[in-house]
Amino acid sequence: MAKKFPIHPRYPERICWGCDKYCPAKDMACGNGSSRTQHPLEIFGEDWHEPGAEENGLEARRESPR
């Protein structure tokens, strides 16, 4: 089962969001490219999950995964 994806993580820039491992940005274990995958919050802004994350099939939580 996949981890729940956080809507507003505390420090999104510290984590690679490219897979379910949520590795630190400087220590990516999956080898998913040479740079980290940004969190949607960093790309689309604070309201990236609107309207209704649940309607899109995204099970989200507000706290950070680490």
Protein backbone atom coordinates (compact mmCIF):
# COMPACT_ATOMS: atom_id res chain seq x y z
CA MET A 1 0.00 0.00 0.00
CA ALA A 2 1.32 3.44 -0.91
CA LYS A 3 2.02 6.07 1.72
CA LYS A 4 -0.50 8.89 2.06
CA PHE A 5 0.68 11.98 0.23
CA PRO A 6 0.96 15.13 2.40
CA ILE A 7 -0.84 18.26 1.18
CA HIS A 8 1.28 20.81 3.07
CA PRO A 9 4.59 19.27 4.19
CA ARG A 10 6.75 21.41 6.48
CA TYR A 11 9.87 21.47 4.30
CA PRO A 12 8.99 20.13 0.84
CA GLU A 13 12.38 21.18 -0.57
CA ARG A 14 14.17 18.68 1.69
CA ILE A 15 12.49 15.59 0.20
CA CYS A 16 12.33 13.94 -3.22
CA TRP A 17 8.66 13.25 -4.02
CA GLY A 18 9.35 10.96 -7.02
CA CYS A 19 8.27 7.69 -5.38
CA ASP A 20 6.88 6.27 -2.13
CA LYS A 21 10.28 6.33 -0.41
CA TYR A 22 10.30 10.12 0.19
CA CYS A 23 14.11 10.17 0.37
CA PRO A 24 16.12 13.17 1.56
CA ALA A 25 16.96 15.35 -1.45
CA LYS A 26 20.69 14.69 -1.09
CA ASP A 27 20.39 10.92 -0.59
CA MET A 28 17.93 9.46 -3.12
CA ALA A 29 17.82 5.67 -2.89
CA CYS A 30 15.65 4.93 -5.92
CA GLY A 31 17.94 6.42 -8.58
CA ASN A 32 14.95 8.27 -10.04
CA GLY A 33 16.95 10.71 -12.15
CA SER A 34 19.75 12.99 -11.11
CA SER A 35 17.64 15.60 -9.32
CA ARG A 36 14.76 15.42 -6.89
CA THR A 37 11.10 15.54 -7.90
CA GLN A 38 9.39 18.64 -6.52
CA HIS A 39 6.23 18.54 -4.42
CA PRO A 40 3.16 19.99 -6.22
CA LEU A 41 3.08 22.71 -3.55
CA GLU A 42 6.41 24.01 -4.87
CA ILE A 43 5.21 24.01 -8.47
CA PHE A 44 1.54 25.05 -8.27
CA GLY A 45 1.36 26.96 -4.96
CA GLU A 46 -0.61 26.58 -1.73
CA ASP A 47 -3.94 25.66 -3.37
CA TRP A 48 -2.54 22.93 -5.64
CA HIS A 49 -4.97 20.35 -4.28
CA GLU A 50 -8.16 22.36 -4.88
CA PRO A 51 -10.93 21.55 -5.63
CA GLY A 52 -11.30 18.48 -3.43
CA ALA A 53 -8.26 16.20 -3.34
CA GLU A 54 -10.51 13.30 -2.38
CA GLU A 55 -12.52 13.69 -5.58
CA ASN A 56 -9.34 13.12 -7.58
CA GLY A 57 -8.51 9.92 -5.72
CA LEU A 58 -5.72 11.50 -3.67
CA GLU A 59 -5.63 10.40 -0.07
CA ALA A 60 -3.77 13.22 1.60
CA ARG A 61 -2.73 14.26 5.08
CA ARG A 62 -1.45 17.56 6.45
CA GLU A 63 1.69 16.49 8.33
CA SER A 64 5.13 15.71 6.93
CA PRO A 65 6.08 12.08 6.22
CA ARG A 66 9.33 12.47 8.18
